[in-house]
């Protein structure tokens, strides 16, 4: 396993995107588990917290989607570039956020 320091580091937007993607991934995992047990809606954590505010729930889902696109593209700010340049995994071509 590589020691990639740029997964959780970088600029604030990059950290927020990573956090949103972890929350979204865990939520989808719970939904999948709920589907296996036949109780889909009861295992949706975002819906459980924000079901009384459907607009806010939709905004959370939208932000997770935007975070996914941002992570796919990669951050091009100086702080993230510097962090990725110091990462062994990214230097050898095995990193998620190759900043070339």
C-alpha atoms as a PDB file:
ATOM      1  CA  UNK A   1       0.000   0.000   0.000  1.00  0.00           C
ATOM      2  CA  UNK A   2       1.329   3.406  -0.943  1.00  0.00           C
ATOM      3  CA  UNK A   3       1.793   6.292   1.434  1.00  0.00           C
ATOM      4  CA  UNK A   4      -0.178   9.016  -0.331  1.00  0.00           C
ATOM      5  CA  UNK A   5      -0.384  12.208   1.705  1.00  0.00           C
ATOM      6  CA  UNK A   6      -2.477  14.062  -0.879  1.00  0.00           C
ATOM      7  CA  UNK A   7      -5.665  12.043  -0.267  1.00  0.00           C
ATOM      8  CA  UNK A   8      -6.721  14.016   2.816  1.00  0.00           C
ATOM      9  CA  UNK A   9      -4.513  17.083   2.514  1.00  0.00           C
ATOM     10  CA  UNK A  10      -4.463  20.068   0.244  1.00  0.00           C
ATOM     11  CA  UNK A  11      -6.626  23.141   0.098  1.00  0.00           C
ATOM     12  CA  UNK A  12      -9.878  23.562   1.993  1.00  0.00           C
ATOM     13  CA  UNK A  13     -12.130  22.845  -1.030  1.00  0.00           C
ATOM     14  CA  UNK A  14     -10.212  19.622  -1.647  1.00  0.00           C
ATOM     15  CA  UNK A  15     -10.674  18.562   1.991  1.00  0.00           C
ATOM     16  CA  UNK A  16     -14.401  19.409   1.835  1.00  0.00           C
ATOM     17  CA  UNK A  17     -14.765  17.372  -1.379  1.00  0.00           C
ATOM     18  CA  UNK A  18     -13.040  14.387   0.185  1.00  0.00           C
ATOM     19  CA  UNK A  19     -15.258  14.602   3.274  1.00  0.00           C
ATOM     20  CA  UNK A  20     -18.415  14.860   1.147  1.00  0.00           C
ATOM     21  CA  UNK A  21     -17.345  11.859  -0.929  1.00  0.00           C
ATOM     22  CA  UNK A  22     -16.734   9.775   2.193  1.00  0.00           C
ATOM     23  CA  UNK A  23     -20.153  10.750   3.557  1.00  0.00           C
ATOM     24  CA  UNK A  24     -21.778  10.009   0.173  1.00  0.00           C
ATOM     25  CA  UNK A  25     -19.993   6.683  -0.140  1.00  0.00           C
ATOM     26  CA  UNK A  26     -21.006   5.591   3.339  1.00  0.00           C
ATOM     27  CA  UNK A  27     -24.587   6.659   2.654  1.00  0.00           C
ATOM     28  CA  UNK A  28     -24.710   4.625  -0.575  1.00  0.00           C
ATOM     29  CA  UNK A  29     -23.233   1.665   1.271  1.00  0.00           C
ATOM     30  CA  UNK A  30     -25.977   1.907   3.872  1.00  0.00           C
ATOM     31  CA  UNK A  31     -28.627   2.175   1.140  1.00  0.00           C
ATOM     32  CA  UNK A  32     -27.217  -0.970  -0.484  1.00  0.00           C
ATOM     33  CA  UNK A  33     -27.261  -2.769   2.858  1.00  0.00           C
ATOM     34  CA  UNK A  34     -30.832  -1.616   3.411  1.00  0.00           C
ATOM     35  CA  UNK A  35     -31.820  -2.948  -0.015  1.00  0.00           C
ATOM     36  CA  UNK A  36     -30.398  -6.344   0.885  1.00  0.00           C
ATOM     37  CA  UNK A  37     -32.457  -6.360   4.068  1.00  0.00           C
ATOM     38  CA  UNK A  38     -35.571  -4.954   2.363  1.00  0.00           C
ATOM     39  CA  UNK A  39     -35.650  -1.602   4.139  1.00  0.00           C
ATOM     40  CA  UNK A  40     -34.120   0.892   1.672  1.00  0.00           C
ATOM     41  CA  UNK A  41     -35.536   4.159   2.960  1.00  0.00           C
ATOM     42  CA  UNK A  42     -34.761   3.438   6.608  1.00  0.00           C
ATOM     43  CA  UNK A  43     -31.012   3.082   5.883  1.00  0.00           C
ATOM     44  CA  UNK A  44     -30.586   6.345   3.949  1.00  0.00           C
ATOM     45  CA  UNK A  45     -28.696   8.436   6.497  1.00  0.00           C
ATOM     46  CA  UNK A  46     -29.021  11.752   4.639  1.00  0.00           C
ATOM     47  CA  UNK A  47     -32.756  11.252   4.263  1.00  0.00           C
ATOM     48  CA  UNK A  48     -32.998  10.222   7.895  1.00  0.00           C
ATOM     49  CA  UNK A  49     -31.365  13.488   9.014  1.00  0.00           C
ATOM     50  CA  UNK A  50     -32.945  15.860   6.511  1.00  0.00           C
ATOM     51  CA  UNK A  51     -36.258  14.291   5.476  1.00  0.00           C
ATOM     52  CA  UNK A  52     -38.203  17.205   6.920  1.00  0.00           C
ATOM     53  CA  UNK A  53     -36.216  19.555   4.652  1.00  0.00           C
ATOM     54  CA  UNK A  54     -36.329  18.084   1.117  1.00  0.00           C
ATOM     55  CA  UNK A  55     -34.623  21.108  -0.468  1.00  0.00           C
ATOM     56  CA  UNK A  56     -31.678  20.839   1.924  1.00  0.00           C
ATOM     57  CA  UNK A  57     -31.528  17.080   1.281  1.00  0.00           C
ATOM     58  CA  UNK A  58     -31.369  17.740  -2.473  1.00  0.00           C
ATOM     59  CA  UNK A  59     -28.595  20.302  -1.927  1.00  0.00           C
ATOM     60  CA  UNK A  60     -26.545  17.737   0.015  1.00  0.00           C
ATOM     61  CA  UNK A  61     -26.909  15.221  -2.833  1.00  0.00           C
ATOM     62  CA  UNK A  62     -25.978  17.924  -5.350  1.00  0.00           C
ATOM     63  CA  UNK A  63     -22.880  18.893  -3.347  1.00  0.00           C
ATOM     64  CA  UNK A  64     -21.761  15.248  -3.189  1.00  0.00           C
ATOM     65  CA  UNK A  65     -22.130  15.060  -6.973  1.00  0.00           C
ATOM     66  CA  UNK A  66     -20.144  18.268  -7.489  1.00  0.00           C
ATOM     67  CA  UNK A  67     -17.468  16.944  -5.110  1.00  0.00           C
ATOM     68  CA  UNK A  68     -17.210  13.799  -7.230  1.00  0.00           C
ATOM     69  CA  UNK A  69     -16.682  15.824 -10.396  1.00  0.00           C
ATOM     70  CA  UNK A  70     -14.108  18.034  -8.658  1.00  0.00           C
ATOM     71  CA  UNK A  71     -12.163  14.999  -7.430  1.00  0.00           C
ATOM     72  CA  UNK A  72     -12.322  13.454 -10.889  1.00  0.00           C
ATOM     73  CA  UNK A  73     -10.844  16.589 -12.452  1.00  0.00           C
ATOM     74  CA  UNK A  74      -8.402  17.209  -9.595  1.00  0.00           C
ATOM     75  CA  UNK A  75      -7.511  20.436  -7.873  1.00  0.00           C
ATOM     76  CA  UNK A  76      -5.022  22.663  -9.681  1.00  0.00           C
ATOM     77  CA  UNK A  77      -4.270  25.095  -6.860  1.00  0.00           C
ATOM     78  CA  UNK A  78      -0.678  25.687  -5.736  1.00  0.00           C
ATOM     79  CA  UNK A  79      -1.201  24.080  -2.330  1.00  0.00           C
ATOM     80  CA  UNK A  80      -2.506  20.811  -3.813  1.00  0.00           C
ATOM     81  CA  UNK A  81       0.182  20.774  -6.516  1.00  0.00           C
ATOM     82  CA  UNK A  82       2.903  21.187  -3.883  1.00  0.00           C
ATOM     83  CA  UNK A  83       1.423  18.459  -1.697  1.00  0.00           C
ATOM     84  CA  UNK A  84       1.087  16.096  -4.625  1.00  0.00           C
ATOM     85  CA  UNK A  85       4.653  16.854  -5.739  1.00  0.00           C
ATOM     86  CA  UNK A  86       5.906  15.653  -2.350  1.00  0.00           C
ATOM     87  CA  UNK A  87       3.832  12.452  -2.482  1.00  0.00           C
ATOM     88  CA  UNK A  88       5.753   9.285  -3.370  1.00  0.00           C
ATOM     89  CA  UNK A  89       2.700   7.605  -4.872  1.00  0.00           C
ATOM     90  CA  UNK A  90       1.919  10.495  -7.215  1.00  0.00           C
ATOM     91  CA  UNK A  91       5.558  10.756  -8.309  1.00  0.00           C
ATOM     92  CA  UNK A  92       5.570   7.114  -9.410  1.00  0.00           C
ATOM     93  CA  UNK A  93       2.245   7.462 -11.235  1.00  0.00           C
ATOM     94  CA  UNK A  94       0.133   5.522  -8.732  1.00  0.00           C
ATOM     95  CA  UNK A  95      -1.664   8.428  -7.078  1.00  0.00           C
ATOM     96  CA  UNK A  96      -5.291   9.402  -7.441  1.00  0.00           C
ATOM     97  CA  UNK A  97      -4.545  13.080  -8.005  1.00  0.00           C
ATOM     98  CA  UNK A  98      -1.670  13.158 -10.438  1.00  0.00           C
ATOM     99  CA  UNK A  99      -0.978  16.863 -10.932  1.00  0.00           C
ATOM    100  CA  UNK A 100       1.081  17.003 -14.142  1.00  0.00           C
END
